[in-house]
Amino acid sequence: MNVENNRVVSIEFTLTDGEGKSLDATEPGKPLDYLHGARNLLPGLEQALTGREIGDSISVTISPEEGFGVVNPDLIQTVPAEAFQGVDNIEPGMAFEAKGPGGEVEHVIVEAVDGDQVRINANHPLAGVTLNFDVKVVAIREADESEISHGHVH
């Protein structure tokens, strides 16, 4: 059986950045299950897996443009510390949810604190990062109608 749309695929993977730093990995014996063709993976990774079979191992490099995007400087801004109501000690690396211009929820990371000014970044944490996946296909099965209609594995 091949990896193709509307099939549930189980993969084991390791993910590193362009310098070889480990970013993520499946735990031994706990593969990631996903519905192929339902946009549950990065498009470049899903495309590279199409047509593969159980036991196939591949290495895939995904550019920022095909991954989590390039860094958008408009999503980095400095705001007054008073915008963080109820937070006494704001430090770099802290993560918050904020309302975007259209009322949508944005995830922001504090990059720097300078007195009463806080630089935040709403880019995805992996924006601008080249991603290297080492993937092994460990199982493939037909998806059931419920999985196909909902767009994800049950």
Protein backbone atom coordinates (compact mmCIF):
# COMPACT_ATOMS: atom_id res chain seq x y z
CA MET A 1 0.00 0.00 0.00
CA ASN A 2 1.30 3.46 -0.93
CA VAL A 3 0.96 6.83 0.77
CA GLU A 4 -1.82 8.67 -1.03
CA ASN A 5 -4.78 10.92 -0.27
CA ASN A 6 -7.38 9.64 2.20
CA ARG A 7 -5.02 7.17 3.80
CA VAL A 8 -3.91 7.27 7.41
CA VAL A 9 -0.12 7.26 7.51
CA SER A 10 2.02 6.59 10.57
CA ILE A 11 5.50 8.08 10.53
CA GLU A 12 8.48 8.30 12.84
CA PHE A 13 10.53 11.44 12.37
CA THR A 14 13.29 13.66 13.64
CA LEU A 15 13.34 17.35 12.83
CA THR A 16 16.46 19.51 12.89
CA ASP A 17 17.21 23.05 11.79
CA GLY A 18 19.80 24.16 9.22
CA GLU A 19 22.59 23.87 11.81
CA GLY A 20 21.57 20.37 12.89
CA LYS A 21 19.94 21.45 16.18
CA SER A 22 17.18 19.04 17.22
CA LEU A 23 13.73 20.68 17.13
CA ASP A 24 11.32 17.77 17.47
CA ALA A 25 11.02 14.00 17.16
CA THR A 26 8.55 11.22 17.69
CA GLU A 27 9.10 9.04 20.72
CA PRO A 28 10.23 5.46 20.08
CA GLY A 29 7.19 3.28 19.42
CA LYS A 30 4.85 6.30 19.24
CA PRO A 31 4.61 7.35 15.58
CA LEU A 32 2.70 10.37 14.35
CA ASP A 33 -0.55 9.39 12.60
CA TYR A 34 -1.98 11.79 10.03
CA LEU A 35 -4.53 11.85 7.21
CA HIS A 36 -2.63 12.25 3.95
CA GLY A 37 -3.98 14.98 1.68
CA ALA A 38 -5.84 16.83 4.43
CA ARG A 39 -3.15 19.47 5.01
CA ASN A 40 -2.14 18.02 8.36
CA LEU A 41 1.58 18.27 7.51
CA LEU A 42 3.71 20.93 5.91
CA PRO A 43 3.03 20.77 2.16
CA GLY A 44 6.66 20.00 1.26
CA LEU A 45 6.79 17.07 3.68
CA GLU A 46 3.44 15.68 2.56
CA GLN A 47 4.50 15.92 -1.09
CA ALA A 48 7.77 14.09 -0.36
CA LEU A 49 5.83 11.26 1.33
CA THR A 50 3.34 10.79 -1.52
CA GLY A 51 3.84 7.40 -3.18
CA ARG A 52 6.08 6.01 -0.41
CA GLU A 53 5.54 2.57 1.11
CA ILE A 54 5.79 1.05 4.58
CA GLY A 55 9.46 0.84 5.55
CA ASP A 56 10.59 3.71 3.30
CA SER A 57 12.93 6.23 4.91
CA ILE A 58 13.49 9.69 3.43
CA SER A 59 15.31 12.90 4.26
CA VAL A 60 13.58 16.11 3.26
CA THR A 61 14.80 19.71 3.49
CA ILE A 62 12.05 22.32 3.58
CA SER A 63 12.81 25.99 2.99
CA PRO A 64 11.23 28.64 5.21
CA GLU A 65 8.92 29.58 2.33
CA GLU A 66 7.58 26.00 2.23
CA GLY A 67 7.67 25.63 6.01
CA PHE A 68 6.50 28.22 8.52
CA GLY A 69 7.25 31.22 6.31
CA VAL A 70 9.90 33.88 6.31
CA VAL A 71 10.20 36.30 9.20
CA ASN A 72 7.74 39.15 8.70
CA PRO A 73 9.22 42.31 10.27
CA ASP A 74 5.72 43.77 10.61
CA LEU A 75 4.99 41.11 13.24
CA ILE A 76 7.81 42.38 15.48
CA GLN A 77 6.96 45.46 17.48
CA THR A 78 7.66 47.32 20.68
CA VAL A 79 4.78 47.86 23.08
CA PRO A 80 4.51 49.45 26.51
CA ALA A 81 4.91 47.08 29.45
CA GLU A 82 1.53 48.26 30.74
CA ALA A 83 -0.02 46.23 27.89
CA PHE A 84 0.78 43.13 29.99
CA GLN A 85 -1.79 43.76 32.71
CA GLY A 86 -1.40 41.52 35.74
CA VAL A 87 2.14 40.40 34.86
CA ASP A 88 4.67 41.72 37.35
CA ASN A 89 7.92 40.48 35.83
CA ILE A 90 8.10 40.35 32.03
CA GLU A 91 11.11 38.43 30.72
CA PRO A 92 12.45 37.43 27.28
CA GLY A 93 11.10 34.07 26.16
CA MET A 94 7.71 34.47 27.82
CA ALA A 95 4.77 33.58 25.57
CA PHE A 96 1.40 35.34 25.53
CA GLU A 97 -1.81 35.41 23.55
CA ALA A 98 -2.88 38.79 22.22
CA LYS A 99 -5.69 40.09 20.05
CA GLY A 100 -4.65 40.98 16.53
CA PRO A 101 -5.96 43.94 14.53
CA GLY A 102 -8.97 41.92 13.34
CA GLY A 103 -9.72 40.47 16.78
CA GLU A 104 -7.98 37.15 16.01
CA VAL A 105 -5.79 35.51 18.63
CA GLU A 106 -2.05 35.91 18.01
CA HIS A 107 0.68 34.07 19.86
CA VAL A 108 3.55 36.39 20.75
CA ILE A 109 6.95 35.83 22.30
CA VAL A 110 8.76 38.46 24.35
CA GLU A 111 12.13 39.08 22.70
CA ALA A 112 13.49 41.89 24.86
CA VAL A 113 12.58 44.18 27.74
CA ASP A 114 14.05 47.68 27.94
CA GLY A 115 12.65 49.59 30.91
CA ASP A 116 8.94 50.01 30.28
CA GLN A 117 9.21 48.92 26.63
CA VAL A 118 8.75 45.30 25.52
CA ARG A 119 9.69 43.94 22.08
CA ILE A 120 7.33 41.16 21.01
CA ASN A 121 7.38 38.84 18.00
CA ALA A 122 4.18 37.33 16.55
CA ASN A 123 5.98 35.29 13.87
CA HIS A 124 5.79 31.50 14.21
CA PRO A 125 8.80 30.38 16.30
CA LEU A 126 10.09 28.43 13.26
CA ALA A 127 9.58 31.26 10.75
CA GLY A 128 12.74 31.79 8.74
CA VAL A 129 14.13 28.34 9.69
CA THR A 130 15.20 25.70 7.18
CA LEU A 131 13.71 22.40 8.35
CA ASN A 132 15.35 18.99 7.89
CA PHE A 133 13.12 15.96 8.37
CA ASP A 134 14.31 12.35 8.56
CA VAL A 135 11.17 10.28 8.22
CA LYS A 136 10.29 6.59 8.20
CA VAL A 137 6.87 5.33 7.08
CA VAL A 138 5.80 2.70 9.61
CA ALA A 139 2.14 2.04 8.70
CA ILE A 140 -0.51 2.92 6.13
CA ARG A 141 -4.24 2.16 6.16
CA GLU A 142 -7.37 3.34 4.42
CA ALA A 143 -9.08 6.18 6.28
CA ASP A 144 -12.69 5.66 7.29
CA GLU A 145 -15.47 7.98 6.11
CA SER A 146 -15.56 9.83 9.42
CA GLU A 147 -11.83 10.60 9.25
CA ILE A 148 -12.13 11.79 5.65
CA SER A 149 -15.14 14.01 6.39
CA HIS A 150 -13.49 15.52 9.47
CA GLY A 151 -10.06 15.88 7.85
CA HIS A 152 -8.09 14.16 10.60
CA VAL A 153 -7.33 10.79 12.17
CA HIS A 154 -9.67 9.45 14.87
